[in-house]
Amino acid sequence: MNQSKLMSYCGMNNVKHKEILDSMVEKGMIERNEQAWGSKIIIKYSISQKGASILREILEPYEELFPRSSSSDSSDGSSDSDKND
């Protein structure tokens, strides 16, 4: 995902939050790749092996224990995670 799409997806501002991405790259959680696209440079990020490991070991069990609540609960009793499977 390129930097602009990532920031948009997360609801973040490019200028204000770039240092968060830089910190995650520095810590090895994500990988930063620059690609030439005509006269522009596109910056793309992808999850690293370390980041994927952290996701599996910490965030997934946390999400199981404390699922995110949705503002529009469904009446059929299914959870948001059921809808994403």
PDB file of N, CA and C in Angstrom:
ATOM      1  N   MET A   1       0.855  -1.161   0.000  1.00  0.00           N
ATOM      2  CA  MET A   1       0.000   0.000   0.000  1.00  0.00           C
ATOM      3  C   MET A   1       0.905   1.228   0.000  1.00  0.00           C
ATOM      4  N   ASN A   2       0.560   2.216  -0.805  1.00  0.00           N
ATOM      5  CA  ASN A   2       1.423   3.398  -0.805  1.00  0.00           C
ATOM      6  C   ASN A   2       1.093   4.293   0.400  1.00  0.00           C
ATOM      7  N   GLN A   3       2.001   5.219   0.676  1.00  0.00           N
ATOM      8  CA  GLN A   3       1.901   6.041   1.887  1.00  0.00           C
ATOM      9  C   GLN A   3       0.597   6.821   1.940  1.00  0.00           C
ATOM     10  N   SER A   4       0.185   7.427   0.834  1.00  0.00           N
ATOM     11  CA  SER A   4      -1.047   8.225   0.835  1.00  0.00           C
ATOM     12  C   SER A   4      -2.262   7.357   1.129  1.00  0.00           C
ATOM     13  N   LYS A   5      -2.339   6.181   0.510  1.00  0.00           N
ATOM     14  CA  LYS A   5      -3.473   5.284   0.758  1.00  0.00           C
ATOM     15  C   LYS A   5      -3.478   4.781   2.189  1.00  0.00           C
ATOM     16  N   LEU A   6      -2.288   4.463   2.714  1.00  0.00           N
ATOM     17  CA  LEU A   6      -2.184   3.999   4.092  1.00  0.00           C
ATOM     18  C   LEU A   6      -2.680   5.060   5.064  1.00  0.00           C
ATOM     19  N   MET A   7      -2.228   6.283   4.886  1.00  0.00           N
ATOM     20  CA  MET A   7      -2.651   7.375   5.765  1.00  0.00           C
ATOM     21  C   MET A   7      -4.150   7.633   5.635  1.00  0.00           C
ATOM     22  N   SER A   8      -4.658   7.588   4.433  1.00  0.00           N
ATOM     23  CA  SER A   8      -6.080   7.790   4.211  1.00  0.00           C
ATOM     24  C   SER A   8      -6.893   6.681   4.884  1.00  0.00           C
ATOM     25  N   TYR A   9      -6.450   5.439   4.707  1.00  0.00           N
ATOM     26  CA  TYR A   9      -7.131   4.292   5.302  1.00  0.00           C
ATOM     27  C   TYR A   9      -7.183   4.408   6.824  1.00  0.00           C
ATOM     28  N   CYS A  10      -6.094   4.878   7.413  1.00  0.00           N
ATOM     29  CA  CYS A  10      -6.008   5.007   8.871  1.00  0.00           C
ATOM     30  C   CYS A  10      -6.601   6.317   9.384  1.00  0.00           C
ATOM     31  N   GLY A  11      -6.991   7.214   8.484  1.00  0.00           N
ATOM     32  CA  GLY A  11      -7.539   8.500   8.889  1.00  0.00           C
ATOM     33  C   GLY A  11      -6.476   9.421   9.460  1.00  0.00           C
ATOM     34  N   MET A  12      -5.265   9.328   8.932  1.00  0.00           N
ATOM     35  CA  MET A  12      -4.146  10.111   9.444  1.00  0.00           C
ATOM     36  C   MET A  12      -3.677  11.117   8.403  1.00  0.00           C
ATOM     37  N   ASN A  13      -2.983  12.133   8.862  1.00  0.00           N
ATOM     38  CA  ASN A  13      -2.429  13.160   8.008  1.00  0.00           C
ATOM     39  C   ASN A  13      -0.990  12.793   7.661  1.00  0.00           C
ATOM     40  N   ASN A  14      -0.622  12.866   6.377  1.00  0.00           N
ATOM     41  CA  ASN A  14       0.729  12.498   5.928  1.00  0.00           C
ATOM     42  C   ASN A  14       1.826  13.218   6.704  1.00  0.00           C
ATOM     43  N   VAL A  15       1.742  14.519   6.787  1.00  0.00           N
ATOM     44  CA  VAL A  15       2.813  15.307   7.392  1.00  0.00           C
ATOM     45  C   VAL A  15       2.908  15.052   8.893  1.00  0.00           C
ATOM     46  N   LYS A  16       1.790  15.045   9.569  1.00  0.00           N
ATOM     47  CA  LYS A  16       1.798  14.917  11.023  1.00  0.00           C
ATOM     48  C   LYS A  16       2.164  13.517  11.504  1.00  0.00           C
ATOM     49  N   HIS A  17       1.895  12.495  10.709  1.00  0.00           N
ATOM     50  CA  HIS A  17       2.055  11.130  11.189  1.00  0.00           C
ATOM     51  C   HIS A  17       3.165  10.341  10.499  1.00  0.00           C
ATOM     52  N   LYS A  18       3.925  10.981   9.630  1.00  0.00           N
ATOM     53  CA  LYS A  18       5.003  10.285   8.937  1.00  0.00           C
ATOM     54  C   LYS A  18       6.030   9.734   9.922  1.00  0.00           C
ATOM     55  N   GLU A  19       6.270  10.436  11.007  1.00  0.00           N
ATOM     56  CA  GLU A  19       7.256   9.954  11.972  1.00  0.00           C
ATOM     57  C   GLU A  19       6.811   8.653  12.627  1.00  0.00           C
ATOM     58  N   ILE A  20       5.510   8.379  12.704  1.00  0.00           N
ATOM     59  CA  ILE A  20       5.032   7.091  13.222  1.00  0.00           C
ATOM     60  C   ILE A  20       5.472   5.980  12.279  1.00  0.00           C
ATOM     61  N   LEU A  21       5.293   6.203  10.982  1.00  0.00           N
ATOM     62  CA  LEU A  21       5.724   5.211   9.999  1.00  0.00           C
ATOM     63  C   LEU A  21       7.236   5.033  10.052  1.00  0.00           C
ATOM     64  N   ASP A  22       7.967   6.137  10.135  1.00  0.00           N
ATOM     65  CA  ASP A  22       9.427   6.060  10.214  1.00  0.00           C
ATOM     66  C   ASP A  22       9.865   5.251  11.431  1.00  0.00           C
ATOM     67  N   SER A  23       9.191   5.439  12.553  1.00  0.00           N
ATOM     68  CA  SER A  23       9.510   4.701  13.771  1.00  0.00           C
ATOM     69  C   SER A  23       9.216   3.213  13.599  1.00  0.00           C
ATOM     70  N   MET A  24       8.103   2.896  12.947  1.00  0.00           N
ATOM     71  CA  MET A  24       7.764   1.494  12.715  1.00  0.00           C
ATOM     72  C   MET A  24       8.773   0.831  11.781  1.00  0.00           C
ATOM     73  N   VAL A  25       9.260   1.577  10.787  1.00  0.00           N
ATOM     74  CA  VAL A  25      10.299   1.062   9.894  1.00  0.00           C
ATOM     75  C   VAL A  25      11.578   0.833  10.692  1.00  0.00           C
ATOM     76  N   GLU A  26      11.945   1.800  11.511  1.00  0.00           N
ATOM     77  CA  GLU A  26      13.169   1.715  12.319  1.00  0.00           C
ATOM     78  C   GLU A  26      13.129   0.512  13.260  1.00  0.00           C
ATOM     79  N   LYS A  27      11.945   0.209  13.786  1.00  0.00           N
ATOM     80  CA  LYS A  27      11.791  -0.916  14.712  1.00  0.00           C
ATOM     81  C   LYS A  27      11.605  -2.250  13.990  1.00  0.00           C
ATOM     82  N   GLY A  28      11.533  -2.206  12.668  1.00  0.00           N
ATOM     83  CA  GLY A  28      11.427  -3.433  11.888  1.00  0.00           C
ATOM     84  C   GLY A  28      10.033  -4.010  11.791  1.00  0.00           C
ATOM     85  N   MET A  29       9.008  -3.223  12.124  1.00  0.00           N
ATOM     86  CA  MET A  29       7.635  -3.721  12.071  1.00  0.00           C
ATOM     87  C   MET A  29       7.056  -3.671  10.657  1.00  0.00           C
ATOM     88  N   ILE A  30       7.478  -2.685   9.884  1.00  0.00           N
ATOM     89  CA  ILE A  30       7.049  -2.570   8.494  1.00  0.00           C
ATOM     90  C   ILE A  30       8.267  -2.300   7.628  1.00  0.00           C
ATOM     91  N   GLU A  31       8.125  -2.537   6.336  1.00  0.00           N
ATOM     92  CA  GLU A  31       9.205  -2.291   5.388  1.00  0.00           C
ATOM     93  C   GLU A  31       8.795  -1.164   4.455  1.00  0.00           C
ATOM     94  N   ARG A  32       9.733  -0.289   4.165  1.00  0.00           N
ATOM     95  CA  ARG A  32       9.500   0.868   3.295  1.00  0.00           C
ATOM     96  C   ARG A  32      10.235   0.638   1.986  1.00  0.00           C
ATOM     97  N   ASN A  33       9.516   0.771   0.877  1.00  0.00           N
ATOM     98  CA  ASN A  33      10.108   0.597  -0.447  1.00  0.00           C
ATOM     99  C   ASN A  33       9.780   1.802  -1.307  1.00  0.00           C
ATOM    100  N   GLU A  34      10.798   2.347  -1.952  1.00  0.00           N
ATOM    101  CA  GLU A  34      10.598   3.464  -2.867  1.00  0.00           C
ATOM    102  C   GLU A  34      10.619   2.936  -4.286  1.00  0.00           C
ATOM    103  N   GLN A  35       9.657   3.392  -5.094  1.00  0.00           N
ATOM    104  CA  GLN A  35       9.578   2.977  -6.489  1.00  0.00           C
ATOM    105  C   GLN A  35       9.439   4.211  -7.360  1.00  0.00           C
ATOM    106  N   ALA A  36      10.219   4.243  -8.421  1.00  0.00           N
ATOM    107  CA  ALA A  36      10.102   5.348  -9.371  1.00  0.00           C
ATOM    108  C   ALA A  36       8.827   5.153 -10.189  1.00  0.00           C
ATOM    109  N   TRP A  37       8.095   6.234 -10.342  1.00  0.00           N
ATOM    110  CA  TRP A  37       6.872   6.218 -11.144  1.00  0.00           C
ATOM    111  C   TRP A  37       6.898   7.486 -11.985  1.00  0.00           C
ATOM    112  N   GLY A  38       7.504   7.379 -13.152  1.00  0.00           N
ATOM    113  CA  GLY A  38       7.729   8.568 -13.967  1.00  0.00           C
ATOM    114  C   GLY A  38       8.726   9.474 -13.263  1.00  0.00           C
ATOM    115  N   SER A  39       8.352  10.720 -13.101  1.00  0.00           N
ATOM    116  CA  SER A  39       9.238  11.673 -12.421  1.00  0.00           C
ATOM    117  C   SER A  39       9.004  11.699 -10.912  1.00  0.00           C
ATOM    118  N   LYS A  40       8.070  10.871 -10.420  1.00  0.00           N
ATOM    119  CA  LYS A  40       7.747  10.845  -8.992  1.00  0.00           C
ATOM    120  C   LYS A  40       8.307   9.591  -8.343  1.00  0.00           C
ATOM    121  N   ILE A  41       8.446   9.665  -7.051  1.00  0.00           N
ATOM    122  CA  ILE A  41       8.836   8.507  -6.244  1.00  0.00           C
ATOM    123  C   ILE A  41       7.615   8.106  -5.419  1.00  0.00           C
ATOM    124  N   ILE A  42       7.220   6.853  -5.541  1.00  0.00           N
ATOM    125  CA  ILE A  42       6.110   6.316  -4.764  1.00  0.00           C
ATOM    126  C   ILE A  42       6.709   5.536  -3.592  1.00  0.00           C
ATOM    127  N   ILE A  43       6.226   5.806  -2.387  1.00  0.00           N
ATOM    128  CA  ILE A  43       6.679   5.096  -1.197  1.00  0.00           C
ATOM    129  C   ILE A  43       5.605   4.081  -0.839  1.00  0.00           C
ATOM    130  N   LYS A  44       6.009   2.820  -0.780  1.00  0.00           N
ATOM    131  CA  LYS A  44       5.083   1.747  -0.421  1.00  0.00           C
ATOM    132  C   LYS A  44       5.555   1.076   0.855  1.00  0.00           C
ATOM    133  N   TYR A  45       4.593   0.674   1.670  1.00  0.00           N
ATOM    134  CA  TYR A  45       4.881   0.000   2.927  1.00  0.00           C
ATOM    135  C   TYR A  45       4.255  -1.389   2.905  1.00  0.00           C
ATOM    136  N   SER A  46       4.936  -2.316   3.532  1.00  0.00           N
ATOM    137  CA  SER A  46       4.385  -3.657   3.704  1.00  0.00           C
ATOM    138  C   SER A  46       4.789  -4.161   5.086  1.00  0.00           C
ATOM    139  N   ILE A  47       4.012  -5.080   5.586  1.00  0.00           N
ATOM    140  CA  ILE A  47       4.315  -5.622   6.911  1.00  0.00           C
ATOM    141  C   ILE A  47       5.553  -6.503   6.812  1.00  0.00           C
ATOM    142  N   SER A  48       6.409  -6.420   7.804  1.00  0.00           N
ATOM    143  CA  SER A  48       7.621  -7.244   7.841  1.00  0.00           C
ATOM    144  C   SER A  48       7.300  -8.556   8.549  1.00  0.00           C
ATOM    145  N   GLN A  49       8.248  -9.459   8.522  1.00  0.00           N
ATOM    146  CA  GLN A  49       8.095 -10.728   9.237  1.00  0.00           C
ATOM    147  C   GLN A  49       7.902 -10.465  10.727  1.00  0.00           C
ATOM    148  N   LYS A  50       8.678  -9.525  11.269  1.00  0.00           N
ATOM    149  CA  LYS A  50       8.569  -9.173  12.688  1.00  0.00           C
ATOM    150  C   LYS A  50       7.185  -8.588  12.988  1.00  0.00           C
ATOM    151  N   GLY A  51       6.692  -7.713  12.108  1.00  0.00           N
ATOM    152  CA  GLY A  51       5.372  -7.118  12.302  1.00  0.00           C
ATOM    153  C   GLY A  51       4.271  -8.157  12.251  1.00  0.00           C
ATOM    154  N   ALA A  52       4.384  -9.111  11.334  1.00  0.00           N
ATOM    155  CA  ALA A  52       3.385 -10.176  11.226  1.00  0.00           C
ATOM    156  C   ALA A  52       3.409 -11.049  12.475  1.00  0.00           C
ATOM    157  N   SER A  53       4.604 -11.297  13.007  1.00  0.00           N
ATOM    158  CA  SER A  53       4.736 -12.089  14.219  1.00  0.00           C
ATOM    159  C   SER A  53       4.076 -11.384  15.401  1.00  0.00           C
ATOM    160  N   ILE A  54       4.310 -10.083  15.520  1.00  0.00           N
ATOM    161  CA  ILE A  54       3.685  -9.292  16.597  1.00  0.00           C
ATOM    162  C   ILE A  54       2.171  -9.324  16.457  1.00  0.00           C
ATOM    163  N   LEU A  55       1.698  -9.212  15.232  1.00  0.00           N
ATOM    164  CA  LEU A  55       0.252  -9.254  14.986  1.00  0.00           C
ATOM    165  C   LEU A  55      -0.333 -10.571  15.480  1.00  0.00           C
ATOM    166  N   ARG A  56       0.306 -11.676  15.113  1.00  0.00           N
ATOM    167  CA  ARG A  56      -0.201 -12.992  15.516  1.00  0.00           C
ATOM    168  C   ARG A  56      -0.106 -13.213  17.020  1.00  0.00           C
ATOM    169  N   GLU A  57       0.997 -12.812  17.622  1.00  0.00           N
ATOM    170  CA  GLU A  57       1.242 -13.112  19.029  1.00  0.00           C
ATOM    171  C   GLU A  57       0.518 -12.192  20.006  1.00  0.00           C
ATOM    172  N   ILE A  58       0.314 -10.926  19.609  1.00  0.00           N
ATOM    173  CA  ILE A  58      -0.236  -9.949  20.554  1.00  0.00           C
ATOM    174  C   ILE A  58      -1.607  -9.437  20.130  1.00  0.00           C
ATOM    175  N   LEU A  59      -1.694  -8.906  18.931  1.00  0.00           N
ATOM    176  CA  LEU A  59      -2.925  -8.233  18.539  1.00  0.00           C
ATOM    177  C   LEU A  59      -4.092  -9.179  18.284  1.00  0.00           C
ATOM    178  N   GLU A  60      -3.852 -10.322  17.643  1.00  0.00           N
ATOM    179  CA  GLU A  60      -4.961 -11.240  17.376  1.00  0.00           C
ATOM    180  C   GLU A  60      -5.596 -11.772  18.666  1.00  0.00           C
ATOM    181  N   PRO A  61      -4.799 -12.241  19.660  1.00  0.00           N
ATOM    182  CA  PRO A  61      -5.423 -12.668  20.918  1.00  0.00           C
ATOM    183  C   PRO A  61      -6.157 -11.512  21.624  1.00  0.00           C
ATOM    184  N   TYR A  62      -5.608 -10.303  21.545  1.00  0.00           N
ATOM    185  CA  TYR A  62      -6.270  -9.143  22.144  1.00  0.00           C
ATOM    186  C   TYR A  62      -7.627  -8.902  21.479  1.00  0.00           C
ATOM    187  N   GLU A  63      -7.657  -8.992  20.143  1.00  0.00           N
ATOM    188  CA  GLU A  63      -8.911  -8.794  19.412  1.00  0.00           C
ATOM    189  C   GLU A  63      -9.933  -9.870  19.783  1.00  0.00           C
ATOM    190  N   GLU A  64      -9.463 -11.092  20.048  1.00  0.00           N
ATOM    191  CA  GLU A  64     -10.380 -12.155  20.458  1.00  0.00           C
ATOM    192  C   GLU A  64     -10.992 -11.843  21.814  1.00  0.00           C
ATOM    193  N   LEU A  65     -10.167 -11.360  22.739  1.00  0.00           N
ATOM    194  CA  LEU A  65     -10.657 -11.044  24.082  1.00  0.00           C
ATOM    195  C   LEU A  65     -11.516  -9.792  24.105  1.00  0.00           C
ATOM    196  N   PHE A  66     -11.120  -8.797  23.330  1.00  0.00           N
ATOM    197  CA  PHE A  66     -11.805  -7.512  23.332  1.00  0.00           C
ATOM    198  C   PHE A  66     -12.155  -7.110  21.897  1.00  0.00           C
ATOM    199  N   PRO A  67     -13.160  -7.753  21.324  1.00  0.00           N
ATOM    200  CA  PRO A  67     -13.503  -7.425  19.935  1.00  0.00           C
ATOM    201  C   PRO A  67     -13.978  -5.982  19.813  1.00  0.00           C
ATOM    202  N   ARG A  68     -13.691  -5.427  18.660  1.00  0.00           N
ATOM    203  CA  ARG A  68     -14.139  -4.054  18.403  1.00  0.00           C
ATOM    204  C   ARG A  68     -15.650  -4.057  18.274  1.00  0.00           C
ATOM    205  N   SER A  69     -16.274  -3.092  18.905  1.00  0.00           N
ATOM    206  CA  SER A  69     -17.725  -3.001  18.793  1.00  0.00           C
ATOM    207  C   SER A  69     -18.065  -2.144  17.588  1.00  0.00           C
ATOM    208  N   SER A  70     -19.169  -2.474  16.956  1.00  0.00           N
ATOM    209  CA  SER A  70     -19.589  -1.672  15.803  1.00  0.00           C
ATOM    210  C   SER A  70     -20.711  -0.750  16.235  1.00  0.00           C
ATOM    211  N   SER A  71     -20.815   0.374  15.565  1.00  0.00           N
ATOM    212  CA  SER A  71     -21.856   1.344  15.913  1.00  0.00           C
ATOM    213  C   SER A  71     -23.215   0.871  15.454  1.00  0.00           C
ATOM    214  N   SER A  72     -23.255  -0.025  14.466  1.00  0.00           N
ATOM    215  CA  SER A  72     -24.534  -0.555  13.984  1.00  0.00           C
ATOM    216  C   SER A  72     -24.537  -2.061  14.181  1.00  0.00           C
ATOM    217  N   ASP A  73     -24.957  -2.501  15.378  1.00  0.00           N
ATOM    218  CA  ASP A  73     -25.008  -3.930  15.667  1.00  0.00           C
ATOM    219  C   ASP A  73     -26.070  -4.592  14.814  1.00  0.00           C
ATOM    220  N   SER A  74     -25.768  -5.795  14.333  1.00  0.00           N
ATOM    221  CA  SER A  74     -26.731  -6.502  13.495  1.00  0.00           C
ATOM    222  C   SER A  74     -27.750  -7.204  14.371  1.00  0.00           C
ATOM    223  N   SER A  75     -28.934  -7.401  13.855  1.00  0.00           N
ATOM    224  CA  SER A  75     -29.998  -8.031  14.612  1.00  0.00           C
ATOM    225  C   SER A  75     -29.955  -9.547  14.512  1.00  0.00           C
ATOM    226  N   ASP A  76     -29.089 -10.098  13.633  1.00  0.00           N
ATOM    227  CA  ASP A  76     -29.030 -11.547  13.478  1.00  0.00           C
ATOM    228  C   ASP A  76     -28.071 -12.212  14.455  1.00  0.00           C
ATOM    229  N   GLY A  77     -27.434 -11.422  15.316  1.00  0.00           N
ATOM    230  CA  GLY A  77     -26.563 -11.965  16.335  1.00  0.00           C
ATOM    231  C   GLY A  77     -25.160 -12.271  15.874  1.00  0.00           C
ATOM    232  N   SER A  78     -24.847 -12.035  14.609  1.00  0.00           N
ATOM    233  CA  SER A  78     -23.494 -12.303  14.133  1.00  0.00           C
ATOM    234  C   SER A  78     -22.591 -11.133  14.482  1.00  0.00           C
ATOM    235  N   SER A  79     -21.336 -11.452  14.721  1.00  0.00           N
ATOM    236  CA  SER A  79     -20.380 -10.416  15.062  1.00  0.00           C
ATOM    237  C   SER A  79     -19.729  -9.891  13.811  1.00  0.00           C
ATOM    238  N   ASP A  80     -18.996  -8.778  13.951  1.00  0.00           N
ATOM    239  CA  ASP A  80     -18.263  -8.208  12.817  1.00  0.00           C
ATOM    240  C   ASP A  80     -17.255  -9.207  12.262  1.00  0.00           C
ATOM    241  N   SER A  81     -16.636  -9.994  13.159  1.00  0.00           N
ATOM    242  CA  SER A  81     -15.639 -10.947  12.684  1.00  0.00           C
ATOM    243  C   SER A  81     -16.291 -12.048  11.867  1.00  0.00           C
ATOM    244  N   ASP A  82     -17.558 -12.387  12.162  1.00  0.00           N
ATOM    245  CA  ASP A  82     -18.268 -13.372  11.347  1.00  0.00           C
ATOM    246  C   ASP A  82     -18.467 -12.866   9.938  1.00  0.00           C
ATOM    247  N   LYS A  83     -18.683 -11.581   9.795  1.00  0.00           N
ATOM    248  CA  LYS A  83     -18.956 -10.985   8.495  1.00  0.00           C
ATOM    249  C   LYS A  83     -17.702 -10.936   7.640  1.00  0.00           C
ATOM    250  N   ASN A  84     -16.519 -10.882   8.277  1.00  0.00           N
ATOM    251  CA  ASN A  84     -15.271 -10.770   7.536  1.00  0.00           C
ATOM    252  C   ASN A  84     -14.704 -12.107   7.117  1.00  0.00           C
ATOM    253  N   ASP A  85     -15.279 -13.210   7.580  1.00  0.00           N
ATOM    254  CA  ASP A  85     -14.759 -14.544   7.231  1.00  0.00           C
ATOM    255  C   ASP A  85     -15.206 -14.964   5.851  1.00  0.00           C
TER     256      ASP A  85
END
